[in-house]
Amino acid sequence: MASGKVARRTAVGDVAALLDSPEVAALIAALAPQGRGRKGFGPRVLVGACLVKALFALPTWTRVAALIAEHPGLQAALGTMGTQTRPRVSSITASLPWPDLVGCPS
């Protein structure tokens, strides 16, 4: 007899899957030559932070940065490891290519 239980998806898995999708990977590649981001905060981290904000329904960038700082799974998905490479709010908001990410919630 089949069970009625379905494995629960995780938001971290969703972030990783979205970042690896062809569409988002193309966006990240398109942003890379423009020099977006700072050392340790390349386009993948910044687009990933935008996805985290949307998927976790976080109201502020401060909460996004705090969640990434305390969540090893998100750090691995975004490609940030260690205390020196965790994004800060000022880095996220100053580096995001706002015109290129029209659908990103602010």
Protein backbone atom coordinates (compact mmCIF):
# COMPACT_ATOMS: atom_id res chain seq x y z
CA MET A 1 0.00 0.00 0.00
CA ALA A 2 1.33 3.43 -0.91
CA SER A 3 1.98 5.92 1.84
CA GLY A 4 0.31 9.35 1.78
CA LYS A 5 3.47 11.07 2.96
CA VAL A 6 5.56 13.17 0.61
CA ALA A 7 9.06 14.31 1.46
CA ARG A 8 9.06 17.96 2.46
CA ARG A 9 11.07 20.29 0.27
CA THR A 10 13.40 22.69 1.97
CA ALA A 11 13.74 26.36 1.11
CA VAL A 12 17.52 25.88 1.10
CA GLY A 13 17.13 23.17 -1.53
CA ASP A 14 14.86 25.48 -3.50
CA VAL A 15 17.45 28.29 -3.39
CA ALA A 16 20.19 25.93 -4.57
CA ALA A 17 17.99 24.53 -7.35
CA LEU A 18 17.00 28.01 -8.52
CA LEU A 19 20.60 29.24 -8.52
CA ASP A 20 21.60 26.21 -10.60
CA SER A 21 18.70 26.58 -13.04
CA PRO A 22 19.63 27.62 -16.59
CA GLU A 23 17.66 30.87 -16.39
CA VAL A 24 19.21 32.13 -13.16
CA ALA A 25 22.65 30.83 -14.15
CA ALA A 26 22.34 32.91 -17.35
CA LEU A 27 21.41 35.99 -15.27
CA ILE A 28 24.39 35.42 -12.98
CA ALA A 29 26.68 35.01 -15.98
CA ALA A 30 25.30 38.19 -17.53
CA LEU A 31 25.92 40.16 -14.34
CA ALA A 32 29.45 38.81 -13.79
CA PRO A 33 31.25 40.88 -16.46
CA GLN A 34 29.66 44.07 -15.15
CA GLY A 35 31.72 43.78 -11.99
CA ARG A 36 28.67 43.47 -9.75
CA GLY A 37 29.36 42.60 -6.17
CA ARG A 38 32.37 42.95 -3.97
CA LYS A 39 35.17 40.59 -3.09
CA GLY A 40 33.44 37.53 -1.74
CA PHE A 41 30.04 38.81 -2.82
CA GLY A 42 29.77 37.98 -6.47
CA PRO A 43 26.58 37.93 -8.51
CA ARG A 44 25.66 34.41 -7.32
CA VAL A 45 25.65 35.49 -3.68
CA LEU A 46 23.70 38.66 -4.40
CA VAL A 47 21.08 36.97 -6.59
CA GLY A 48 20.90 34.19 -4.00
CA ALA A 49 20.27 36.75 -1.25
CA CYS A 50 17.41 38.14 -3.31
CA LEU A 51 15.97 34.62 -3.68
CA VAL A 52 16.36 34.01 0.07
CA LYS A 53 14.46 37.23 0.81
CA ALA A 54 11.61 36.18 -1.47
CA LEU A 55 11.41 32.48 -0.54
CA PHE A 56 11.63 33.04 3.21
CA ALA A 57 9.35 36.12 2.97
CA LEU A 58 11.77 38.22 4.99
CA PRO A 59 10.78 41.88 5.35
CA THR A 60 14.27 43.42 5.61
CA TRP A 61 17.75 42.90 4.19
CA THR A 62 19.06 42.84 7.77
CA ARG A 63 17.13 39.62 8.38
CA VAL A 64 18.39 38.17 5.10
CA ALA A 65 22.01 38.82 6.08
CA ALA A 66 21.41 37.43 9.59
CA LEU A 67 19.76 34.27 8.24
CA ILE A 68 22.61 33.64 5.80
CA ALA A 69 25.17 34.26 8.57
CA GLU A 70 23.62 31.67 10.87
CA HIS A 71 22.58 29.02 8.33
CA PRO A 72 25.37 26.75 7.01
CA GLY A 73 23.05 25.26 4.38
CA LEU A 74 22.34 28.66 2.87
CA GLN A 75 26.02 29.55 2.99
CA ALA A 76 26.83 26.40 1.06
CA ALA A 77 24.05 27.02 -1.48
CA LEU A 78 25.20 30.59 -2.07
CA GLY A 79 28.87 29.69 -2.11
CA THR A 80 29.78 31.72 0.98
CA MET A 81 31.73 30.05 3.72
CA GLY A 82 33.54 31.52 6.72
CA THR A 83 32.94 34.75 8.56
CA GLN A 84 34.76 36.92 6.02
CA THR A 85 32.52 35.93 3.12
CA ARG A 86 29.10 36.27 4.72
CA PRO A 87 27.25 39.16 3.12
CA ARG A 88 26.46 42.26 5.14
CA VAL A 89 23.36 44.38 4.59
CA SER A 90 25.38 47.27 3.18
CA SER A 91 27.06 44.93 0.72
CA ILE A 92 23.79 43.44 -0.45
CA THR A 93 21.89 46.68 -0.91
CA ALA A 94 24.80 48.61 -2.43
CA SER A 95 25.78 45.86 -4.85
CA LEU A 96 22.47 44.55 -6.15
CA PRO A 97 21.89 45.49 -9.78
CA TRP A 98 18.40 46.86 -9.13
CA PRO A 99 17.53 47.67 -12.76
CA ASP A 100 18.54 44.13 -13.77
CA LEU A 101 16.50 42.50 -10.99
CA VAL A 102 13.16 44.21 -11.54
CA GLY A 103 11.15 41.39 -9.94
CA CYS A 104 13.24 41.22 -6.78
CA PRO A 105 11.24 42.38 -3.76
CA SER A 106 12.83 45.32 -2.00
